[in-house]
Structures are given as structure tokens and as C-alpha cells.
Amino acid sequence: MTARYFNCVKRVLVLACAVSAALAWGFDISDPGLLAQMDDLQRQRDAVQAEHNLRDLACYRKFLVNSCRADVMLSRRTALNSIKKQELEISQQQRVLLVQEVVRADQLRREAAAEQELERLARLEDRAQREHDRTQRLQDRVELEQEALERAAAQAEKERALVEKRAEHAAIAADAAASVSQEEKARALQEKRAAHAAVAESSSGTSGPDAKQRVLDQKRAEHAAVAASASEASQPQVRQRALEEKRISHTAIVIAAPLKPASKPAPSSTEPSTVLQKEAAYARKQKELEERIAERERRLREQKGSQSAPLPASP
């Protein structure tokens, strides 16, 4: 009896939980056909009760009241048991429907939870992907900035190396120009001394101012030709070569000047003043010629110094 009672209570509790869950999810557990059958059974129950109540009242007018009432009670119980059996069958069908609805509700709930979980995972994955993309963009930007800094540093290093090379080439060119200028000055001084010595020797043995004037004219023509060739030349080597040729020819002409024997009688006592005047004029002309040569050499050196030495191509 106790075990049967507990089983009934358990079934009632399970049914109540199922009904509450179904109502919570908003499901309709009523079947129209079952409800109609239940209404029909309720009407039959009411009709049976009304009929047997009338029969029970009619028993009071008979002689055997108790026996009549017992027969009425037995008939009522039989009719109600049949109706109750039908009600139990309908209730069982309702419980089956209820269980099915509960199972379907649980399945829908699980599906909804699974969909929500999938959506949550999709959102998390999307967020992780966006974060990864942002990190990748930042990393790419840092790499680009680093490459730009490296290129700028390499360009600055190249420019510094180019400036150093230019400074070195300028220093080398200045040293070379200074050495060439010193050598030219020494060579020009030696040539001038040799030319002066040759002129002095030739002037002591020449016959008169005609030979001196001819030599002087030749020198002027040579200087003019050398100046013209130097002005036309565009490269320092050509000007230098022309100057060297002029100096060599000048020295050769002065040294190779013929010495004529004195055909005239020795000058009288009145001629030394004339000779001294001619020598003074020749000395002035020689000095003017040396000044013009020095001025021309100075101009050539200035032109040569103004032209910068060519630099090698930058690596």
C-alpha cells in the first residue's frame, strides 16, 4: 500500500513538472478531440447521476427501500466505472501528448541553446579575427616604418660617404694643383734664368739693335701664338702642353741666336751713351715681357683652379 502510494505521488509530481514546463514554454497541451470526449463523458456522468438520483428517490415509495437503493447504487457504480474507465484512457492519451510536448519543448530548448552557443562562438571567432587583422596591420605598419628608417639611414650614409669622397678629391686636386704650381714656378724660374743668360751672351756678341729687335719680334710672335692657343684650348692639359712648347721654343731660339762678328770699327768715345740707352730700353722691354708672361701664367693658373676635378660616379 505504501509503495503504491509513493508511485502515485511520483507520477503526479512528474506530471505537474511536465505541465509547468510546457506552460512555461507556452505550449498548448489540450487536444480538441480529447476535450470534446471529456465533455461528452462529463455530460454522461451528469445524466447518470441525475437518473440514479431520481431512482433513489423513487425507492422511498417502495416497501423494500434498502434493497431498492442498493440496486440503484450498484447500477450507478457500474455506469460511473464505465465512464471513469473512458476518462482514464483519455487522461492517458493527454499524458502521452503532454510528454511528447515536453520532449519537443526540451528539444527546441536545446536547439535554441545550441544556436545561441554557435552564435556566441561565431561572434568570438569574428572578434578574434578582427583582433588578429588589427595586430597584423600594426605589425605591417611597424615593418614599413622600420624599412623607411633603414632606407633613410642608408641614404644618409651614402650622402656622407659621397661628401667625404668629394672632400678627398678636392683635397687631392688642391694638392696636385699646388704641386704642379710649385713645379711650374721652379721650371719657369730656371727657364727665365737660362733665357736671361742666353740673352746676355747674345747681346754681348751681337752687332747692333737690329738683331735684338728681330729676336724680340720673334719672341712677341711666339708669345702671341701661345696666348691664342691657350685661349682656344678648353682643357688644362692642352694649355699646359702649349705653355711647355712655348718655353722650349723660346729657350731654343734664344740659345741658338747667331753671333755675328763685329764688322764695324770699335765705337768711339761718343757711342757708349747710345749703347747704354739701348741696353736700358732692351732691359725695360725684357722686364715688360716677363711681367706679361707672369700675368698670363697667373691667369692660366686661376682658370685651372676654377675648374673642379671630376668626381667618380657614386656607388
C-alpha atoms as a PDB file:
ATOM      1  CA  MET A   1       0.000   0.000   0.000  1.00  0.00           C
ATOM      2  CA  THR A   2       2.816   2.424   0.884  1.00  0.00           C
ATOM      3  CA  ALA A   3       4.835   1.658  -2.273  1.00  0.00           C
ATOM      4  CA  ARG A   4       1.732   2.096  -4.404  1.00  0.00           C
ATOM      5  CA  TYR A   5       1.033   5.419  -2.720  1.00  0.00           C
ATOM      6  CA  PHE A   6       4.568   6.689  -3.367  1.00  0.00           C
ATOM      7  CA  ASN A   7       4.372   5.625  -7.025  1.00  0.00           C
ATOM      8  CA  CYS A   8       1.193   7.604  -7.433  1.00  0.00           C
ATOM      9  CA  VAL A   9       2.747  10.646  -5.801  1.00  0.00           C
ATOM     10  CA  LYS A  10       5.803  10.358  -8.046  1.00  0.00           C
ATOM     11  CA  ARG A  11       3.612  10.217 -11.145  1.00  0.00           C
ATOM     12  CA  VAL A  12       1.661  13.235 -10.013  1.00  0.00           C
ATOM     13  CA  LEU A  13       4.851  15.217  -9.390  1.00  0.00           C
ATOM     14  CA  VAL A  14       6.314  14.269 -12.764  1.00  0.00           C
ATOM     15  CA  LEU A  15       3.074  15.233 -14.451  1.00  0.00           C
ATOM     16  CA  ALA A  16       2.992  18.547 -12.577  1.00  0.00           C
ATOM     17  CA  CYS A  17       6.608  19.308 -13.567  1.00  0.00           C
ATOM     18  CA  ALA A  18       5.899  18.452 -17.183  1.00  0.00           C
ATOM     19  CA  VAL A  19       2.792  20.611 -17.193  1.00  0.00           C
ATOM     20  CA  SER A  20       4.639  23.545 -15.607  1.00  0.00           C
ATOM     21  CA  ALA A  21       7.485  23.225 -18.107  1.00  0.00           C
ATOM     22  CA  ALA A  22       5.084  23.066 -21.006  1.00  0.00           C
ATOM     23  CA  LEU A  23       3.157  26.058 -19.729  1.00  0.00           C
ATOM     24  CA  ALA A  24       6.449  27.929 -19.203  1.00  0.00           C
ATOM     25  CA  TRP A  25       7.369  27.360 -22.839  1.00  0.00           C
ATOM     26  CA  GLY A  26       3.866  28.358 -23.943  1.00  0.00           C
ATOM     27  CA  PHE A  27       2.696  25.030 -25.385  1.00  0.00           C
ATOM     28  CA  ASP A  28      -0.995  24.076 -25.599  1.00  0.00           C
ATOM     29  CA  ILE A  29      -1.319  20.527 -24.208  1.00  0.00           C
ATOM     30  CA  SER A  30      -5.079  20.250 -24.900  1.00  0.00           C
ATOM     31  CA  ASP A  31      -6.356  18.280 -27.858  1.00  0.00           C
ATOM     32  CA  PRO A  32      -9.748  19.433 -29.202  1.00  0.00           C
ATOM     33  CA  GLY A  33     -10.876  15.845 -29.835  1.00  0.00           C
ATOM     34  CA  LEU A  34      -9.896  14.728 -26.338  1.00  0.00           C
ATOM     35  CA  LEU A  35     -11.560  17.778 -24.817  1.00  0.00           C
ATOM     36  CA  ALA A  36     -14.751  17.019 -26.694  1.00  0.00           C
ATOM     37  CA  GLN A  37     -14.659  13.422 -25.458  1.00  0.00           C
ATOM     38  CA  MET A  38     -14.062  14.631 -21.910  1.00  0.00           C
ATOM     39  CA  ASP A  39     -17.053  16.996 -22.188  1.00  0.00           C
ATOM     40  CA  ASP A  40     -19.189  14.166 -23.546  1.00  0.00           C
ATOM     41  CA  LEU A  41     -18.165  11.888 -20.662  1.00  0.00           C
ATOM     42  CA  GLN A  42     -18.900  14.676 -18.171  1.00  0.00           C
ATOM     43  CA  ARG A  43     -22.402  15.041 -19.629  1.00  0.00           C
ATOM     44  CA  GLN A  44     -22.916  11.259 -19.429  1.00  0.00           C
ATOM     45  CA  ARG A  45     -21.734  11.352 -15.802  1.00  0.00           C
ATOM     46  CA  ASP A  46     -24.175  14.142 -15.028  1.00  0.00           C
ATOM     47  CA  ALA A  47     -27.019  12.259 -16.760  1.00  0.00           C
ATOM     48  CA  VAL A  48     -26.182   9.060 -14.858  1.00  0.00           C
ATOM     49  CA  GLN A  49     -26.105  10.964 -11.583  1.00  0.00           C
ATOM     50  CA  ALA A  50     -29.428  12.668 -12.325  1.00  0.00           C
ATOM     51  CA  GLU A  51     -31.081   9.404 -13.404  1.00  0.00           C
ATOM     52  CA  HIS A  52     -29.885   7.452 -10.359  1.00  0.00           C
ATOM     53  CA  ASN A  53     -30.849  10.287  -8.021  1.00  0.00           C
ATOM     54  CA  LEU A  54     -34.396  10.061  -9.319  1.00  0.00           C
ATOM     55  CA  ARG A  55     -34.384   6.278  -8.984  1.00  0.00           C
ATOM     56  CA  ASP A  56     -33.034   6.625  -5.444  1.00  0.00           C
ATOM     57  CA  LEU A  57     -35.861   8.971  -4.549  1.00  0.00           C
ATOM     58  CA  ALA A  58     -38.355   6.560  -6.082  1.00  0.00           C
ATOM     59  CA  CYS A  59     -37.074   3.794  -3.765  1.00  0.00           C
ATOM     60  CA  TYR A  60     -38.573   5.630  -0.786  1.00  0.00           C
ATOM     61  CA  ARG A  61     -42.046   4.957  -2.115  1.00  0.00           C
ATOM     62  CA  LYS A  62     -41.463   1.217  -2.252  1.00  0.00           C
ATOM     63  CA  PHE A  63     -41.736  -1.301   0.543  1.00  0.00           C
ATOM     64  CA  LEU A  64     -38.167  -2.609   0.278  1.00  0.00           C
ATOM     65  CA  VAL A  65     -36.359   0.693   0.391  1.00  0.00           C
ATOM     66  CA  ASN A  66     -32.882  -0.527   1.279  1.00  0.00           C
ATOM     67  CA  SER A  67     -32.874  -3.255  -1.298  1.00  0.00           C
ATOM     68  CA  CYS A  68     -34.011  -0.786  -3.949  1.00  0.00           C
ATOM     69  CA  ARG A  69     -31.392   1.714  -3.001  1.00  0.00           C
ATOM     70  CA  ALA A  70     -28.699  -0.967  -3.082  1.00  0.00           C
ATOM     71  CA  ASP A  71     -29.731  -1.910  -6.605  1.00  0.00           C
ATOM     72  CA  VAL A  72     -29.635   1.778  -7.629  1.00  0.00           C
ATOM     73  CA  MET A  73     -26.208   2.256  -6.045  1.00  0.00           C
ATOM     74  CA  LEU A  74     -24.855  -0.841  -7.849  1.00  0.00           C
ATOM     75  CA  SER A  75     -26.247   0.405 -11.164  1.00  0.00           C
ATOM     76  CA  ARG A  76     -24.754   3.872 -10.549  1.00  0.00           C
ATOM     77  CA  ARG A  77     -21.331   2.403  -9.709  1.00  0.00           C
ATOM     78  CA  THR A  78     -21.349   0.265 -12.840  1.00  0.00           C
ATOM     79  CA  ALA A  79     -22.257   3.190 -15.080  1.00  0.00           C
ATOM     80  CA  LEU A  80     -19.738   5.515 -13.417  1.00  0.00           C
ATOM     81  CA  ASN A  81     -16.992   2.885 -13.621  1.00  0.00           C
ATOM     82  CA  SER A  82     -17.524   2.621 -17.359  1.00  0.00           C
ATOM     83  CA  ILE A  83     -17.342   6.413 -17.688  1.00  0.00           C
ATOM     84  CA  LYS A  84     -14.321   6.572 -15.411  1.00  0.00           C
ATOM     85  CA  LYS A  85     -12.529   3.940 -17.486  1.00  0.00           C
ATOM     86  CA  GLN A  86     -13.067   6.057 -20.566  1.00  0.00           C
ATOM     87  CA  GLU A  87     -11.834   9.138 -18.693  1.00  0.00           C
ATOM     88  CA  LEU A  88      -8.681   7.289 -17.634  1.00  0.00           C
ATOM     89  CA  GLU A  89      -7.998   6.326 -21.233  1.00  0.00           C
ATOM     90  CA  ILE A  90      -8.431   9.949 -22.322  1.00  0.00           C
ATOM     91  CA  SER A  91      -6.212  11.100 -19.426  1.00  0.00           C
ATOM     92  CA  GLN A  92      -3.559   8.603 -20.532  1.00  0.00           C
ATOM     93  CA  GLN A  93      -3.715   9.985 -24.044  1.00  0.00           C
ATOM     94  CA  GLN A  94      -3.390  13.505 -22.639  1.00  0.00           C
ATOM     95  CA  ARG A  95      -0.347  12.456 -20.633  1.00  0.00           C
ATOM     96  CA  VAL A  96       1.239  10.947 -23.751  1.00  0.00           C
ATOM     97  CA  LEU A  97       0.597  14.183 -25.599  1.00  0.00           C
ATOM     98  CA  LEU A  98       1.987  16.098 -22.671  1.00  0.00           C
ATOM     99  CA  VAL A  99       5.178  14.015 -22.628  1.00  0.00           C
ATOM    100  CA  GLN A 100       5.566  14.478 -26.353  1.00  0.00           C
ATOM    101  CA  GLU A 101       5.112  18.217 -25.983  1.00  0.00           C
ATOM    102  CA  VAL A 102       7.620  18.289 -23.133  1.00  0.00           C
ATOM    103  CA  VAL A 103      10.139  16.318 -25.181  1.00  0.00           C
ATOM    104  CA  ARG A 104       9.584  18.605 -28.130  1.00  0.00           C
ATOM    105  CA  ALA A 105       9.927  21.646 -25.887  1.00  0.00           C
ATOM    106  CA  ASP A 106      13.156  20.288 -24.432  1.00  0.00           C
ATOM    107  CA  GLN A 107      14.444  19.560 -27.901  1.00  0.00           C
ATOM    108  CA  LEU A 108      13.562  23.071 -29.046  1.00  0.00           C
ATOM    109  CA  ARG A 109      15.201  24.493 -25.960  1.00  0.00           C
ATOM    110  CA  ARG A 110      18.360  22.504 -26.662  1.00  0.00           C
ATOM    111  CA  GLU A 111      18.327  23.564 -30.288  1.00  0.00           C
ATOM    112  CA  ALA A 112      17.907  27.193 -29.259  1.00  0.00           C
ATOM    113  CA  ALA A 113      20.751  26.831 -26.754  1.00  0.00           C
ATOM    114  CA  ALA A 114      22.917  25.190 -29.434  1.00  0.00           C
ATOM    115  CA  GLU A 115      22.122  28.024 -31.870  1.00  0.00           C
ATOM    116  CA  GLN A 116      22.943  30.597 -29.215  1.00  0.00           C
ATOM    117  CA  GLU A 117      26.213  28.797 -28.476  1.00  0.00           C
ATOM    118  CA  LEU A 118      27.066  28.709 -32.179  1.00  0.00           C
ATOM    119  CA  GLU A 119      26.290  32.402 -32.477  1.00  0.00           C
ATOM    120  CA  ARG A 120      28.428  33.132 -29.430  1.00  0.00           C
ATOM    121  CA  LEU A 121      31.322  31.101 -30.872  1.00  0.00           C
ATOM    122  CA  ALA A 122      30.892  32.858 -34.229  1.00  0.00           C
ATOM    123  CA  ARG A 123      30.998  36.249 -32.507  1.00  0.00           C
ATOM    124  CA  LEU A 124      34.097  35.219 -30.560  1.00  0.00           C
ATOM    125  CA  GLU A 125      35.761  33.939 -33.717  1.00  0.00           C
ATOM    126  CA  ASP A 126      34.859  37.122 -35.570  1.00  0.00           C
ATOM    127  CA  ARG A 127      36.235  39.229 -32.738  1.00  0.00           C
ATOM    128  CA  ALA A 128      39.433  37.154 -32.665  1.00  0.00           C
ATOM    129  CA  GLN A 129      39.786  37.540 -36.444  1.00  0.00           C
ATOM    130  CA  ARG A 130      39.316  41.317 -36.220  1.00  0.00           C
ATOM    131  CA  GLU A 131      41.880  41.474 -33.436  1.00  0.00           C
ATOM    132  CA  HIS A 132      44.289  39.384 -35.492  1.00  0.00           C
ATOM    133  CA  ASP A 133      43.781  41.646 -38.524  1.00  0.00           C
ATOM    134  CA  ARG A 134      44.359  44.745 -36.428  1.00  0.00           C
ATOM    135  CA  THR A 135      47.526  43.251 -34.950  1.00  0.00           C
ATOM    136  CA  GLN A 136      48.713  42.284 -38.430  1.00  0.00           C
ATOM    137  CA  ARG A 137      48.081  45.817 -39.721  1.00  0.00           C
ATOM    138  CA  LEU A 138      50.003  47.292 -36.802  1.00  0.00           C
ATOM    139  CA  GLN A 139      52.877  44.873 -37.414  1.00  0.00           C
ATOM    140  CA  ASP A 140      52.924  45.730 -41.123  1.00  0.00           C
ATOM    141  CA  ARG A 141      52.952  49.438 -40.275  1.00  0.00           C
ATOM    142  CA  VAL A 142      55.859  48.944 -37.865  1.00  0.00           C
ATOM    143  CA  GLU A 143      57.758  46.980 -40.516  1.00  0.00           C
ATOM    144  CA  LEU A 144      57.140  49.692 -43.114  1.00  0.00           C
ATOM    145  CA  GLU A 145      58.327  52.388 -40.709  1.00  0.00           C
ATOM    146  CA  GLN A 146      61.424  50.318 -39.884  1.00  0.00           C
ATOM    147  CA  GLU A 147      62.179  49.857 -43.584  1.00  0.00           C
ATOM    148  CA  ALA A 148      61.728  53.600 -44.151  1.00  0.00           C
ATOM    149  CA  LEU A 149      64.134  54.360 -41.304  1.00  0.00           C
ATOM    150  CA  GLU A 150      66.664  51.886 -42.682  1.00  0.00           C
ATOM    151  CA  ARG A 151      66.388  53.401 -46.170  1.00  0.00           C
ATOM    152  CA  ALA A 152      66.821  56.900 -44.731  1.00  0.00           C
ATOM    153  CA  ALA A 153      69.870  55.764 -42.734  1.00  0.00           C
ATOM    154  CA  ALA A 154      71.368  54.092 -45.826  1.00  0.00           C
ATOM    155  CA  GLN A 155      70.709  57.220 -47.914  1.00  0.00           C
ATOM    156  CA  ALA A 156      72.312  59.401 -45.224  1.00  0.00           C
ATOM    157  CA  GLU A 157      75.307  57.060 -45.120  1.00  0.00           C
ATOM    158  CA  LYS A 158      75.651  57.233 -48.907  1.00  0.00           C
ATOM    159  CA  GLU A 159      75.437  61.022 -48.847  1.00  0.00           C
ATOM    160  CA  ARG A 160      78.023  61.194 -46.070  1.00  0.00           C
ATOM    161  CA  ALA A 161      80.344  58.867 -47.988  1.00  0.00           C
ATOM    162  CA  LEU A 162      79.823  60.964 -51.136  1.00  0.00           C
ATOM    163  CA  VAL A 163      80.623  64.165 -49.231  1.00  0.00           C
ATOM    164  CA  GLU A 164      83.761  62.553 -47.809  1.00  0.00           C
ATOM    165  CA  LYS A 165      84.835  61.370 -51.264  1.00  0.00           C
ATOM    166  CA  ARG A 166      84.244  64.818 -52.689  1.00  0.00           C
ATOM    167  CA  ALA A 167      86.276  66.354 -49.887  1.00  0.00           C
ATOM    168  CA  GLU A 168      89.060  63.822 -50.508  1.00  0.00           C
ATOM    169  CA  HIS A 169      89.012  64.517 -54.260  1.00  0.00           C
ATOM    170  CA  ALA A 170      89.036  68.267 -53.593  1.00  0.00           C
ATOM    171  CA  ALA A 171      91.986  67.870 -51.233  1.00  0.00           C
ATOM    172  CA  ILE A 172      93.818  65.676 -53.759  1.00  0.00           C
ATOM    173  CA  ALA A 173      93.074  68.161 -56.545  1.00  0.00           C
ATOM    174  CA  ALA A 174      94.285  71.050 -54.371  1.00  0.00           C
ATOM    175  CA  ASP A 175      97.475  69.163 -53.501  1.00  0.00           C
ATOM    176  CA  ALA A 176      98.026  68.269 -57.155  1.00  0.00           C
ATOM    177  CA  ALA A 177      97.404  71.867 -58.215  1.00  0.00           C
ATOM    178  CA  ALA A 178      99.775  73.137 -55.555  1.00  0.00           C
ATOM    179  CA  SER A 179     102.488  70.663 -56.547  1.00  0.00           C
ATOM    180  CA  VAL A 180     102.013  71.457 -60.250  1.00  0.00           C
ATOM    181  CA  SER A 181     102.110  75.160 -59.461  1.00  0.00           C
ATOM    182  CA  GLN A 182     105.352  74.760 -57.490  1.00  0.00           C
ATOM    183  CA  GLU A 183     106.901  72.689 -60.259  1.00  0.00           C
ATOM    184  CA  GLU A 184     105.800  75.219 -62.869  1.00  0.00           C
ATOM    185  CA  LYS A 185     107.219  78.052 -60.838  1.00  0.00           C
ATOM    186  CA  ALA A 186     110.574  76.286 -60.398  1.00  0.00           C
ATOM    187  CA  ARG A 187     110.733  75.330 -64.089  1.00  0.00           C
ATOM    188  CA  ALA A 188     109.730  78.867 -65.162  1.00  0.00           C
ATOM    189  CA  LEU A 189     112.430  80.329 -62.905  1.00  0.00           C
ATOM    190  CA  GLN A 190     115.067  78.040 -64.365  1.00  0.00           C
ATOM    191  CA  GLU A 191     113.959  78.831 -67.920  1.00  0.00           C
ATOM    192  CA  LYS A 192     113.977  82.535 -67.174  1.00  0.00           C
ATOM    193  CA  ARG A 193     117.469  82.296 -65.778  1.00  0.00           C
ATOM    194  CA  ALA A 194     118.643  80.323 -68.775  1.00  0.00           C
ATOM    195  CA  ALA A 195     116.919  82.769 -71.122  1.00  0.00           C
ATOM    196  CA  HIS A 196     118.477  85.750 -69.358  1.00  0.00           C
ATOM    197  CA  ALA A 197     121.892  84.127 -69.519  1.00  0.00           C
ATOM    198  CA  ALA A 198     121.426  83.359 -73.218  1.00  0.00           C
ATOM    199  CA  VAL A 199     120.186  86.883 -73.907  1.00  0.00           C
ATOM    200  CA  ALA A 200     123.124  88.341 -72.025  1.00  0.00           C
ATOM    201  CA  GLU A 201     125.579  86.208 -74.019  1.00  0.00           C
ATOM    202  CA  SER A 202     123.904  87.030 -77.322  1.00  0.00           C
ATOM    203  CA  SER A 203     123.685  90.748 -76.505  1.00  0.00           C
ATOM    204  CA  SER A 204     127.408  90.878 -75.775  1.00  0.00           C
ATOM    205  CA  GLY A 205     128.258  89.374 -79.227  1.00  0.00           C
ATOM    206  CA  THR A 206     125.541  90.868 -81.472  1.00  0.00           C
ATOM    207  CA  SER A 207     126.333  93.659 -83.922  1.00  0.00           C
ATOM    208  CA  GLY A 208     123.558  96.070 -83.100  1.00  0.00           C
ATOM    209  CA  PRO A 209     119.927  96.748 -82.211  1.00  0.00           C
ATOM    210  CA  ASP A 210     118.572  95.179 -85.449  1.00  0.00           C
ATOM    211  CA  ALA A 211     119.363  91.649 -84.347  1.00  0.00           C
ATOM    212  CA  LYS A 212     117.982  92.333 -80.888  1.00  0.00           C
ATOM    213  CA  GLN A 213     114.816  93.826 -82.388  1.00  0.00           C
ATOM    214  CA  ARG A 214     114.386  90.774 -84.647  1.00  0.00           C
ATOM    215  CA  VAL A 215     114.782  88.376 -81.722  1.00  0.00           C
ATOM    216  CA  LEU A 216     112.351  90.474 -79.707  1.00  0.00           C
ATOM    217  CA  ASP A 217     109.809  90.393 -82.563  1.00  0.00           C
ATOM    218  CA  GLN A 218     110.132  86.616 -82.807  1.00  0.00           C
ATOM    219  CA  LYS A 219     109.527  86.312 -79.075  1.00  0.00           C
ATOM    220  CA  ARG A 220     106.464  88.525 -79.282  1.00  0.00           C
ATOM    221  CA  ALA A 221     105.042  86.475 -82.161  1.00  0.00           C
ATOM    222  CA  GLU A 222     105.647  83.257 -80.234  1.00  0.00           C
ATOM    223  CA  HIS A 223     104.019  84.660 -77.120  1.00  0.00           C
ATOM    224  CA  ALA A 224     101.012  85.823 -79.144  1.00  0.00           C
ATOM    225  CA  ALA A 225     100.646  82.371 -80.763  1.00  0.00           C
ATOM    226  CA  VAL A 226     100.926  80.651 -77.401  1.00  0.00           C
ATOM    227  CA  ALA A 227      98.356  83.018 -75.857  1.00  0.00           C
ATOM    228  CA  ALA A 228      95.936  82.402 -78.747  1.00  0.00           C
ATOM    229  CA  SER A 229      96.327  78.631 -78.488  1.00  0.00           C
ATOM    230  CA  ALA A 230      95.918  78.811 -74.687  1.00  0.00           C
ATOM    231  CA  SER A 231      92.727  80.869 -75.000  1.00  0.00           C
ATOM    232  CA  GLU A 232      91.285  78.459 -77.567  1.00  0.00           C
ATOM    233  CA  ALA A 233      92.182  75.332 -75.549  1.00  0.00           C
ATOM    234  CA  SER A 234      89.469  74.186 -73.135  1.00  0.00           C
ATOM    235  CA  GLN A 235      91.357  71.567 -71.155  1.00  0.00           C
ATOM    236  CA  PRO A 236      94.158  72.290 -68.639  1.00  0.00           C
ATOM    237  CA  GLN A 237      96.442  69.640 -70.199  1.00  0.00           C
ATOM    238  CA  VAL A 238      96.292  71.330 -73.632  1.00  0.00           C
ATOM    239  CA  ARG A 239      97.107  74.743 -72.121  1.00  0.00           C
ATOM    240  CA  GLN A 240      99.955  73.201 -70.124  1.00  0.00           C
ATOM    241  CA  ARG A 241     101.364  71.471 -73.223  1.00  0.00           C
ATOM    242  CA  ALA A 242     101.161  74.701 -75.244  1.00  0.00           C
ATOM    243  CA  LEU A 243     102.963  76.617 -72.498  1.00  0.00           C
ATOM    244  CA  GLU A 244     105.702  73.988 -72.342  1.00  0.00           C
ATOM    245  CA  GLU A 245     106.164  74.097 -76.120  1.00  0.00           C
ATOM    246  CA  LYS A 246     106.370  77.889 -75.991  1.00  0.00           C
ATOM    247  CA  ARG A 247     109.003  77.805 -73.290  1.00  0.00           C
ATOM    248  CA  ILE A 248     111.067  75.180 -75.080  1.00  0.00           C
ATOM    249  CA  SER A 249     110.939  77.076 -78.395  1.00  0.00           C
ATOM    250  CA  HIS A 250     111.733  80.338 -76.610  1.00  0.00           C
ATOM    251  CA  THR A 251     114.779  78.814 -74.944  1.00  0.00           C
ATOM    252  CA  ALA A 252     115.961  77.181 -78.184  1.00  0.00           C
ATOM    253  CA  ILE A 253     115.630  80.437 -80.145  1.00  0.00           C
ATOM    254  CA  VAL A 254     117.460  82.433 -77.515  1.00  0.00           C
ATOM    255  CA  ILE A 255     120.286  79.907 -77.221  1.00  0.00           C
ATOM    256  CA  ALA A 256     120.579  79.379 -80.981  1.00  0.00           C
ATOM    257  CA  ALA A 257     120.779  83.106 -81.827  1.00  0.00           C
ATOM    258  CA  PRO A 258     123.806  83.572 -84.207  1.00  0.00           C
ATOM    259  CA  LEU A 259     126.715  85.636 -83.100  1.00  0.00           C
ATOM    260  CA  LYS A 260     127.884  87.980 -85.892  1.00  0.00           C
ATOM    261  CA  PRO A 261     131.455  89.185 -85.963  1.00  0.00           C
ATOM    262  CA  ALA A 262     131.962  92.858 -85.483  1.00  0.00           C
ATOM    263  CA  SER A 263     132.268  94.380 -88.958  1.00  0.00           C
ATOM    264  CA  LYS A 264     132.268  97.939 -87.830  1.00  0.00           C
ATOM    265  CA  PRO A 265     135.088  99.689 -86.097  1.00  0.00           C
ATOM    266  CA  ALA A 266     135.034  99.970 -82.353  1.00  0.00           C
ATOM    267  CA  PRO A 267     132.749 102.653 -81.108  1.00  0.00           C
ATOM    268  CA  SER A 268     134.251 105.984 -80.450  1.00  0.00           C
ATOM    269  CA  SER A 269     134.166 107.784 -77.198  1.00  0.00           C
ATOM    270  CA  THR A 270     130.764 109.312 -78.079  1.00  0.00           C
ATOM    271  CA  GLU A 271     128.952 105.906 -78.570  1.00  0.00           C
ATOM    272  CA  PRO A 272     128.879 104.385 -75.006  1.00  0.00           C
ATOM    273  CA  SER A 273     125.929 106.562 -74.035  1.00  0.00           C
ATOM    274  CA  THR A 274     123.933 105.285 -77.011  1.00  0.00           C
ATOM    275  CA  VAL A 275     124.789 101.697 -76.170  1.00  0.00           C
ATOM    276  CA  LEU A 276     123.741 102.212 -72.584  1.00  0.00           C
ATOM    277  CA  GLN A 277     120.440 103.708 -73.687  1.00  0.00           C
ATOM    278  CA  LYS A 278     119.763 100.738 -75.960  1.00  0.00           C
ATOM    279  CA  GLU A 279     120.639  98.314 -73.216  1.00  0.00           C
ATOM    280  CA  ALA A 280     118.343 100.144 -70.810  1.00  0.00           C
ATOM    281  CA  ALA A 281     115.496 100.058 -73.385  1.00  0.00           C
ATOM    282  CA  TYR A 282     116.123  96.363 -74.011  1.00  0.00           C
ATOM    283  CA  ALA A 283     116.100  95.715 -70.253  1.00  0.00           C
ATOM    284  CA  ARG A 284     112.775  97.554 -69.944  1.00  0.00           C
ATOM    285  CA  LYS A 285     111.286  95.568 -72.812  1.00  0.00           C
ATOM    286  CA  GLN A 286     112.598  92.351 -71.287  1.00  0.00           C
ATOM    287  CA  LYS A 287     111.063  93.270 -67.946  1.00  0.00           C
ATOM    288  CA  GLU A 288     107.714  94.129 -69.585  1.00  0.00           C
ATOM    289  CA  LEU A 289     107.834  90.806 -71.437  1.00  0.00           C
ATOM    290  CA  GLU A 290     108.493  88.929 -68.190  1.00  0.00           C
ATOM    291  CA  GLU A 291     105.628  90.761 -66.500  1.00  0.00           C
ATOM    292  CA  ARG A 292     103.255  89.851 -69.338  1.00  0.00           C
ATOM    293  CA  ILE A 293     104.376  86.208 -69.162  1.00  0.00           C
ATOM    294  CA  ALA A 294     103.864  86.167 -65.394  1.00  0.00           C
ATOM    295  CA  GLU A 295     100.399  87.740 -65.784  1.00  0.00           C
ATOM    296  CA  ARG A 296      99.458  85.153 -68.441  1.00  0.00           C
ATOM    297  CA  GLU A 297     100.675  82.294 -66.228  1.00  0.00           C
ATOM    298  CA  ARG A 298      98.716  83.658 -63.291  1.00  0.00           C
ATOM    299  CA  ARG A 299      95.544  83.800 -65.369  1.00  0.00           C
ATOM    300  CA  LEU A 300      96.108  80.241 -66.596  1.00  0.00           C
ATOM    301  CA  ARG A 301      96.533  79.043 -63.012  1.00  0.00           C
ATOM    302  CA  GLU A 302      93.332  80.810 -61.978  1.00  0.00           C
ATOM    303  CA  GLN A 303      91.399  79.201 -64.835  1.00  0.00           C
ATOM    304  CA  LYS A 304      92.861  75.815 -63.971  1.00  0.00           C
ATOM    305  CA  GLY A 305      91.976  76.203 -60.287  1.00  0.00           C
ATOM    306  CA  SER A 306      88.410  77.304 -61.077  1.00  0.00           C
ATOM    307  CA  GLN A 307      87.729  74.024 -62.862  1.00  0.00           C
ATOM    308  CA  SER A 308      86.916  71.328 -60.282  1.00  0.00           C
ATOM    309  CA  ALA A 309      88.425  67.884 -60.654  1.00  0.00           C
ATOM    310  CA  PRO A 310      85.906  65.283 -61.986  1.00  0.00           C
ATOM    311  CA  LEU A 311      84.492  63.026 -59.315  1.00  0.00           C
ATOM    312  CA  PRO A 312      83.928  59.287 -59.818  1.00  0.00           C
ATOM    313  CA  ALA A 313      80.382  58.026 -60.102  1.00  0.00           C
ATOM    314  CA  SER A 314      78.707  57.424 -56.776  1.00  0.00           C
ATOM    315  CA  PRO A 315      78.228  53.735 -55.942  1.00  0.00           C
END
